[in-house]
Structures are given as structure tokens and as C-alpha cells.
Amino acid sequence: MSQGINATAQTGQTGVSGENGSDEAIAAMEAAFDRAIAIAANVTARRMEGGSALDAARTRLSN
């Protein structure tokens, strides 16, 4: 039951390696993930610092 669909046809730059295609897209995604990881680490560090100060304040109030 053929419907005339060409499964190997590609459109745009998807699947084209090295010619402004997937290599650049992968590099852009890696850079975005690296930035997101750095921001998440910064947020985590600030939360840890703030949480420690809050815990110390609660301890002082309860004593």
C-alpha cells in the first residue's frame, strides 16, 4: 500500500553535518546547556549560603 512517501528525503539543514547544519546546532545547544549549568550552580550556592544563615538565625532564636 504505497502512498508515495519518500522516507529518505530531507528538508532544510537537518542531518547535514559540517555545512552550517547539525554541527553548529549541537555547538549552540552545548553552549546553552553550559550556561544553564553555571547558572544553576550559582543559584544552588546562593541558596546554600542563605539557608545556612537562616538555620543559624533560627538556632539563635530558639536558645
N, C-alpha and C. Protein backbone atom coordinates (compact mmCIF):
# COMPACT_ATOMS: atom_id res chain seq x y z
N MET A 1 0.83 -1.17 0.00
CA MET A 1 0.00 0.00 0.00
C MET A 1 0.88 1.25 0.00
N SER A 2 1.47 1.57 -1.11
CA SER A 2 2.37 2.70 -1.23
C SER A 2 1.59 4.00 -1.38
N GLN A 3 2.04 5.01 -0.62
CA GLN A 3 1.37 6.30 -0.68
C GLN A 3 2.27 7.37 -1.27
N GLY A 4 3.37 6.98 -1.86
CA GLY A 4 4.27 7.93 -2.50
C GLY A 4 5.09 8.76 -1.52
N ILE A 5 5.36 8.22 -0.34
CA ILE A 5 6.14 8.94 0.67
C ILE A 5 7.60 8.53 0.53
N ASN A 6 8.47 9.52 0.38
CA ASN A 6 9.90 9.26 0.28
C ASN A 6 10.51 9.44 1.67
N ALA A 7 10.78 8.34 2.34
CA ALA A 7 11.26 8.38 3.72
C ALA A 7 12.69 8.89 3.83
N THR A 8 13.44 8.91 2.74
CA THR A 8 14.84 9.35 2.81
C THR A 8 15.00 10.82 2.47
N ALA A 9 13.96 11.50 2.05
CA ALA A 9 14.07 12.92 1.69
C ALA A 9 14.27 13.76 2.94
N GLN A 10 15.16 14.75 2.85
CA GLN A 10 15.41 15.66 3.96
C GLN A 10 15.19 17.08 3.50
N THR A 11 14.68 17.89 4.40
CA THR A 11 14.48 19.29 4.08
C THR A 11 15.32 20.15 5.00
N GLY A 12 15.69 21.32 4.56
CA GLY A 12 16.47 22.23 5.39
C GLY A 12 17.86 21.69 5.65
N GLN A 13 18.44 22.12 6.76
CA GLN A 13 19.81 21.74 7.10
C GLN A 13 19.88 20.54 8.03
N THR A 14 18.75 20.02 8.44
CA THR A 14 18.74 18.90 9.37
C THR A 14 19.45 17.71 8.77
N GLY A 15 20.37 17.15 9.51
CA GLY A 15 21.08 15.97 9.06
C GLY A 15 22.29 16.27 8.20
N VAL A 16 22.56 17.53 7.91
CA VAL A 16 23.72 17.88 7.11
C VAL A 16 24.86 18.20 8.06
N SER A 17 25.87 17.39 8.07
CA SER A 17 26.96 17.56 9.00
C SER A 17 28.03 18.46 8.42
N GLY A 18 28.45 19.47 9.17
CA GLY A 18 29.57 20.29 8.78
C GLY A 18 29.25 21.47 7.90
N GLU A 19 28.07 21.60 7.38
CA GLU A 19 27.73 22.71 6.49
C GLU A 19 26.65 23.57 7.13
N ASN A 20 27.00 24.27 8.19
CA ASN A 20 26.04 25.11 8.91
C ASN A 20 24.81 24.32 9.33
N GLY A 21 24.99 23.07 9.60
CA GLY A 21 23.87 22.20 9.95
C GLY A 21 23.94 21.74 11.38
N SER A 22 23.98 20.44 11.54
CA SER A 22 23.88 19.86 12.87
C SER A 22 25.08 20.18 13.75
N ASP A 23 26.26 20.35 13.17
CA ASP A 23 27.44 20.66 14.00
C ASP A 23 27.26 21.99 14.72
N GLU A 24 26.78 23.00 14.02
CA GLU A 24 26.56 24.30 14.65
C GLU A 24 25.40 24.24 15.63
N ALA A 25 24.37 23.49 15.31
CA ALA A 25 23.23 23.35 16.21
C ALA A 25 23.65 22.66 17.51
N ILE A 26 24.46 21.63 17.39
CA ILE A 26 24.95 20.92 18.57
C ILE A 26 25.83 21.84 19.41
N ALA A 27 26.70 22.61 18.77
CA ALA A 27 27.56 23.54 19.50
C ALA A 27 26.73 24.59 20.23
N ALA A 28 25.69 25.08 19.58
CA ALA A 28 24.82 26.08 20.22
C ALA A 28 24.10 25.47 21.42
N MET A 29 23.62 24.23 21.27
CA MET A 29 22.94 23.57 22.39
C MET A 29 23.90 23.30 23.55
N GLU A 30 25.12 22.88 23.23
CA GLU A 30 26.11 22.64 24.29
C GLU A 30 26.42 23.93 25.03
N ALA A 31 26.54 25.04 24.31
CA ALA A 31 26.81 26.33 24.95
C ALA A 31 25.64 26.73 25.84
N ALA A 32 24.42 26.50 25.37
CA ALA A 32 23.24 26.83 26.17
C ALA A 32 23.18 25.98 27.43
N PHE A 33 23.46 24.69 27.31
CA PHE A 33 23.47 23.81 28.48
C PHE A 33 24.57 24.21 29.46
N ASP A 34 25.74 24.57 28.94
CA ASP A 34 26.84 25.01 29.82
C ASP A 34 26.44 26.25 30.61
N ARG A 35 25.77 27.21 29.93
CA ARG A 35 25.31 28.41 30.63
C ARG A 35 24.26 28.06 31.68
N ALA A 36 23.34 27.17 31.34
CA ALA A 36 22.29 26.77 32.29
C ALA A 36 22.90 26.07 33.50
N ILE A 37 23.88 25.22 33.29
CA ILE A 37 24.53 24.52 34.40
C ILE A 37 25.25 25.51 35.30
N ALA A 38 25.92 26.50 34.72
CA ALA A 38 26.63 27.51 35.52
C ALA A 38 25.64 28.33 36.34
N ILE A 39 24.52 28.71 35.75
CA ILE A 39 23.51 29.48 36.47
C ILE A 39 22.91 28.65 37.60
N ALA A 40 22.61 27.38 37.32
CA ALA A 40 22.04 26.51 38.35
C ALA A 40 23.01 26.32 39.50
N ALA A 41 24.29 26.20 39.20
CA ALA A 41 25.29 26.05 40.27
C ALA A 41 25.36 27.31 41.11
N ASN A 42 25.27 28.47 40.48
CA ASN A 42 25.29 29.74 41.20
C ASN A 42 24.06 29.86 42.10
N VAL A 43 22.90 29.51 41.58
CA VAL A 43 21.66 29.57 42.37
C VAL A 43 21.75 28.62 43.57
N THR A 44 22.26 27.43 43.33
CA THR A 44 22.39 26.45 44.41
C THR A 44 23.33 26.96 45.50
N ALA A 45 24.45 27.55 45.10
CA ALA A 45 25.40 28.07 46.07
C ALA A 45 24.77 29.18 46.90
N ARG A 46 24.03 30.07 46.25
CA ARG A 46 23.38 31.16 46.99
C ARG A 46 22.30 30.64 47.93
N ARG A 47 21.57 29.62 47.50
CA ARG A 47 20.55 29.04 48.38
C ARG A 47 21.18 28.38 49.59
N MET A 48 22.31 27.72 49.36
CA MET A 48 23.01 27.07 50.47
C MET A 48 23.48 28.11 51.48
N GLU A 49 24.04 29.22 50.99
CA GLU A 49 24.51 30.29 51.88
C GLU A 49 23.34 30.89 52.64
N GLY A 50 22.26 31.17 51.93
CA GLY A 50 21.08 31.75 52.57
C GLY A 50 20.45 30.80 53.56
N GLY A 51 20.42 29.52 53.21
CA GLY A 51 19.85 28.51 54.10
C GLY A 51 20.66 28.36 55.36
N SER A 52 21.98 28.44 55.25
CA SER A 52 22.84 28.33 56.43
C SER A 52 22.62 29.51 57.37
N ALA A 53 22.49 30.71 56.80
CA ALA A 53 22.25 31.89 57.62
C ALA A 53 20.89 31.80 58.30
N LEU A 54 19.90 31.32 57.58
CA LEU A 54 18.55 31.17 58.15
C LEU A 54 18.55 30.14 59.28
N ASP A 55 19.24 29.02 59.07
CA ASP A 55 19.32 28.00 60.12
C ASP A 55 20.01 28.54 61.36
N ALA A 56 21.08 29.32 61.17
CA ALA A 56 21.79 29.89 62.31
C ALA A 56 20.90 30.87 63.06
N ALA A 57 20.12 31.66 62.33
CA ALA A 57 19.22 32.60 62.98
C ALA A 57 18.13 31.89 63.77
N ARG A 58 17.61 30.81 63.22
CA ARG A 58 16.58 30.03 63.93
C ARG A 58 17.17 29.42 65.20
N THR A 59 18.41 28.94 65.12
CA THR A 59 19.05 28.34 66.28
C THR A 59 19.24 29.37 67.38
N ARG A 60 19.67 30.57 66.99
CA ARG A 60 19.86 31.64 67.99
C ARG A 60 18.53 32.01 68.65
N LEU A 61 17.45 32.04 67.85
CA LEU A 61 16.15 32.42 68.42
C LEU A 61 15.62 31.37 69.38
N SER A 62 15.92 30.12 69.12
CA SER A 62 15.39 29.05 69.97
C SER A 62 16.19 28.88 71.26
N ASN A 63 17.36 29.45 71.35
CA ASN A 63 18.20 29.30 72.55
C ASN A 63 17.88 30.33 73.57
